[in-house]
Amino acid sequence: MWKEENNKLQRSFKFKDFSEAFAFMTRVALAAEKMDHHPEWTNVYNTVDIKLCSHDAGNKVTDKDRKLAKTIDGIA
């Protein structure tokens, strides 16, 4: 579940292994590029942590972030 904290939407995703986590990141990257809205994220083995905010809106959560979060949920 996404939570809004420190002006960012945040969520962690866990997968079976690194390969599944990386495949998820690849699918998210393609969707984010199409939306021209890119996540801040980290990956350690099977865990992907994502933070979303709109830099051009003063580093605040906007509808673009909520839309990307919904898209990411559909990929996961």
N, C-alpha and C. Protein backbone atom coordinates (compact mmCIF):
# COMPACT_ATOMS: atom_id res chain seq x y z
N MET A 1 0.85 -1.18 0.00
CA MET A 1 0.00 0.00 0.00
C MET A 1 0.90 1.25 0.00
N TRP A 2 0.52 2.21 -0.80
CA TRP A 2 1.26 3.47 -0.88
C TRP A 2 0.97 4.30 0.37
N LYS A 3 1.99 5.00 0.85
CA LYS A 3 1.77 5.94 1.94
C LYS A 3 2.44 7.26 1.56
N GLU A 4 1.79 8.34 1.96
CA GLU A 4 2.35 9.65 1.69
C GLU A 4 3.10 10.11 2.93
N GLU A 5 4.38 10.37 2.74
CA GLU A 5 5.25 10.75 3.85
C GLU A 5 6.37 11.65 3.31
N ASN A 6 6.64 12.74 4.01
CA ASN A 6 7.70 13.68 3.61
C ASN A 6 7.55 14.15 2.16
N ASN A 7 6.32 14.48 1.78
CA ASN A 7 6.00 14.97 0.43
C ASN A 7 6.35 13.97 -0.66
N LYS A 8 6.24 12.68 -0.35
CA LYS A 8 6.47 11.63 -1.35
C LYS A 8 5.49 10.49 -1.13
N LEU A 9 5.06 9.89 -2.24
CA LEU A 9 4.32 8.63 -2.16
C LEU A 9 5.36 7.53 -2.10
N GLN A 10 5.22 6.61 -1.15
CA GLN A 10 6.24 5.58 -0.97
C GLN A 10 5.61 4.20 -0.86
N ARG A 11 6.32 3.23 -1.43
CA ARG A 11 5.88 1.84 -1.31
C ARG A 11 7.06 0.92 -1.56
N SER A 12 7.04 -0.23 -0.87
CA SER A 12 8.04 -1.28 -1.09
C SER A 12 7.35 -2.48 -1.75
N PHE A 13 8.07 -3.10 -2.65
CA PHE A 13 7.59 -4.30 -3.34
C PHE A 13 8.60 -5.41 -3.11
N LYS A 14 8.13 -6.60 -2.75
CA LYS A 14 9.01 -7.76 -2.55
C LYS A 14 8.67 -8.83 -3.57
N PHE A 15 9.71 -9.46 -4.09
CA PHE A 15 9.56 -10.48 -5.12
C PHE A 15 10.28 -11.76 -4.71
N LYS A 16 10.09 -12.80 -5.49
CA LYS A 16 10.70 -14.08 -5.19
C LYS A 16 12.23 -14.01 -5.19
N ASP A 17 12.78 -13.25 -6.13
CA ASP A 17 14.24 -13.16 -6.24
C ASP A 17 14.62 -11.89 -7.01
N PHE A 18 15.91 -11.71 -7.22
CA PHE A 18 16.42 -10.53 -7.91
C PHE A 18 15.89 -10.43 -9.34
N SER A 19 15.82 -11.55 -10.01
CA SER A 19 15.38 -11.56 -11.40
C SER A 19 13.95 -11.02 -11.53
N GLU A 20 13.07 -11.44 -10.65
CA GLU A 20 11.69 -10.93 -10.69
C GLU A 20 11.63 -9.45 -10.33
N ALA A 21 12.44 -9.03 -9.37
CA ALA A 21 12.47 -7.62 -8.99
C ALA A 21 12.95 -6.77 -10.17
N PHE A 22 13.99 -7.24 -10.85
CA PHE A 22 14.54 -6.48 -11.97
C PHE A 22 13.56 -6.44 -13.14
N ALA A 23 12.86 -7.53 -13.39
CA ALA A 23 11.85 -7.55 -14.45
C ALA A 23 10.75 -6.53 -14.15
N PHE A 24 10.33 -6.46 -12.90
CA PHE A 24 9.33 -5.48 -12.47
C PHE A 24 9.85 -4.06 -12.73
N MET A 25 11.10 -3.81 -12.36
CA MET A 25 11.68 -2.47 -12.57
C MET A 25 11.72 -2.12 -14.06
N THR A 26 12.00 -3.09 -14.89
CA THR A 26 12.04 -2.85 -16.33
C THR A 26 10.66 -2.45 -16.85
N ARG A 27 9.63 -3.17 -16.41
CA ARG A 27 8.27 -2.83 -16.84
C ARG A 27 7.85 -1.45 -16.33
N VAL A 28 8.20 -1.14 -15.08
CA VAL A 28 7.89 0.18 -14.53
C VAL A 28 8.63 1.27 -15.30
N ALA A 29 9.89 1.01 -15.63
CA ALA A 29 10.68 2.01 -16.37
C ALA A 29 10.03 2.34 -17.71
N LEU A 30 9.55 1.34 -18.42
CA LEU A 30 8.90 1.58 -19.71
C LEU A 30 7.62 2.40 -19.54
N ALA A 31 6.83 2.08 -18.52
CA ALA A 31 5.59 2.83 -18.26
C ALA A 31 5.90 4.26 -17.84
N ALA A 32 6.90 4.43 -16.98
CA ALA A 32 7.27 5.76 -16.51
C ALA A 32 7.78 6.63 -17.66
N GLU A 33 8.53 6.03 -18.55
CA GLU A 33 9.05 6.78 -19.71
C GLU A 33 7.91 7.26 -20.59
N LYS A 34 6.92 6.40 -20.80
CA LYS A 34 5.75 6.79 -21.60
C LYS A 34 5.00 7.95 -20.95
N MET A 35 4.97 7.96 -19.61
CA MET A 35 4.27 9.01 -18.88
C MET A 35 5.16 10.24 -18.67
N ASP A 36 6.43 10.14 -19.02
CA ASP A 36 7.41 11.20 -18.80
C ASP A 36 7.42 11.62 -17.33
N HIS A 37 7.41 10.60 -16.48
CA HIS A 37 7.41 10.84 -15.03
C HIS A 37 8.17 9.70 -14.39
N HIS A 38 9.27 9.97 -13.78
CA HIS A 38 10.21 8.93 -13.39
C HIS A 38 10.35 8.80 -11.88
N PRO A 39 10.39 7.55 -11.39
CA PRO A 39 10.45 7.31 -9.95
C PRO A 39 11.85 7.47 -9.38
N GLU A 40 11.90 7.71 -8.10
CA GLU A 40 13.13 7.57 -7.32
C GLU A 40 13.01 6.18 -6.71
N TRP A 41 14.01 5.33 -6.95
CA TRP A 41 13.88 3.97 -6.45
C TRP A 41 15.20 3.34 -6.13
N THR A 42 15.12 2.28 -5.33
CA THR A 42 16.30 1.48 -5.01
C THR A 42 15.90 0.01 -5.11
N ASN A 43 16.91 -0.81 -5.35
CA ASN A 43 16.69 -2.25 -5.43
C ASN A 43 17.80 -2.95 -4.68
N VAL A 44 17.42 -3.78 -3.72
CA VAL A 44 18.35 -4.66 -3.03
C VAL A 44 17.78 -6.06 -3.11
N TYR A 45 18.46 -6.91 -3.84
CA TYR A 45 18.07 -8.30 -4.10
C TYR A 45 16.62 -8.40 -4.57
N ASN A 46 15.69 -8.79 -3.70
CA ASN A 46 14.31 -9.01 -4.13
C ASN A 46 13.35 -7.88 -3.74
N THR A 47 13.89 -6.76 -3.26
CA THR A 47 13.06 -5.66 -2.79
C THR A 47 13.28 -4.40 -3.62
N VAL A 48 12.18 -3.80 -4.04
CA VAL A 48 12.24 -2.53 -4.77
C VAL A 48 11.47 -1.50 -3.94
N ASP A 49 12.14 -0.43 -3.55
CA ASP A 49 11.53 0.68 -2.82
C ASP A 49 11.35 1.83 -3.80
N ILE A 50 10.13 2.37 -3.86
CA ILE A 50 9.81 3.45 -4.79
C ILE A 50 9.29 4.65 -4.03
N LYS A 51 9.77 5.83 -4.44
CA LYS A 51 9.27 7.11 -3.93
C LYS A 51 8.89 7.96 -5.14
N LEU A 52 7.73 8.59 -5.05
CA LEU A 52 7.24 9.43 -6.13
C LEU A 52 6.94 10.83 -5.63
N CYS A 53 7.42 11.83 -6.37
CA CYS A 53 7.03 13.22 -6.16
C CYS A 53 7.30 13.96 -7.46
N SER A 54 6.67 15.10 -7.62
CA SER A 54 6.83 15.89 -8.84
C SER A 54 7.82 17.01 -8.58
N HIS A 55 8.99 16.86 -9.16
CA HIS A 55 10.05 17.85 -8.94
C HIS A 55 9.67 19.22 -9.51
N ASP A 56 8.97 19.21 -10.65
CA ASP A 56 8.60 20.49 -11.27
C ASP A 56 7.44 21.17 -10.55
N ALA A 57 6.88 20.52 -9.53
CA ALA A 57 5.82 21.11 -8.71
C ALA A 57 6.32 21.40 -7.30
N GLY A 58 7.63 21.55 -7.16
CA GLY A 58 8.20 21.87 -5.86
C GLY A 58 8.39 20.65 -4.97
N ASN A 59 8.63 19.50 -5.61
CA ASN A 59 8.86 18.26 -4.85
C ASN A 59 7.68 17.89 -3.95
N LYS A 60 6.50 17.96 -4.53
CA LYS A 60 5.28 17.59 -3.82
C LYS A 60 4.56 16.48 -4.58
N VAL A 61 3.68 15.79 -3.89
CA VAL A 61 2.87 14.76 -4.51
C VAL A 61 1.77 15.42 -5.33
N THR A 62 1.65 15.01 -6.59
CA THR A 62 0.63 15.56 -7.48
C THR A 62 -0.16 14.41 -8.11
N ASP A 63 -1.12 14.76 -8.94
CA ASP A 63 -1.90 13.75 -9.65
C ASP A 63 -1.02 12.88 -10.54
N LYS A 64 0.07 13.45 -11.08
CA LYS A 64 1.00 12.65 -11.90
C LYS A 64 1.56 11.50 -11.07
N ASP A 65 1.88 11.76 -9.82
CA ASP A 65 2.42 10.72 -8.94
C ASP A 65 1.37 9.66 -8.63
N ARG A 66 0.16 10.11 -8.37
CA ARG A 66 -0.91 9.16 -8.06
C ARG A 66 -1.22 8.29 -9.28
N LYS A 67 -1.17 8.88 -10.46
CA LYS A 67 -1.41 8.13 -11.69
C LYS A 67 -0.31 7.10 -11.92
N LEU A 68 0.94 7.50 -11.71
CA LEU A 68 2.05 6.55 -11.87
C LEU A 68 1.96 5.45 -10.82
N ALA A 69 1.60 5.79 -9.59
CA ALA A 69 1.45 4.79 -8.54
C ALA A 69 0.40 3.75 -8.93
N LYS A 70 -0.71 4.21 -9.50
CA LYS A 70 -1.77 3.29 -9.93
C LYS A 70 -1.27 2.39 -11.06
N THR A 71 -0.51 2.97 -11.96
CA THR A 71 0.08 2.19 -13.05
C THR A 71 1.03 1.13 -12.51
N ILE A 72 1.86 1.53 -11.55
CA ILE A 72 2.82 0.59 -10.95
C ILE A 72 2.07 -0.54 -10.24
N ASP A 73 0.99 -0.21 -9.55
CA ASP A 73 0.19 -1.25 -8.89
C ASP A 73 -0.32 -2.26 -9.91
N GLY A 74 -0.68 -1.79 -11.09
CA GLY A 74 -1.16 -2.69 -12.14
C GLY A 74 -0.07 -3.59 -12.70
N ILE A 75 1.17 -3.17 -12.57
CA ILE A 75 2.31 -3.96 -13.06
C ILE A 75 2.71 -5.01 -12.03
N ALA A 76 2.61 -4.65 -10.75
CA ALA A 76 3.07 -5.53 -9.67
C ALA A 76 2.27 -6.76 -9.54
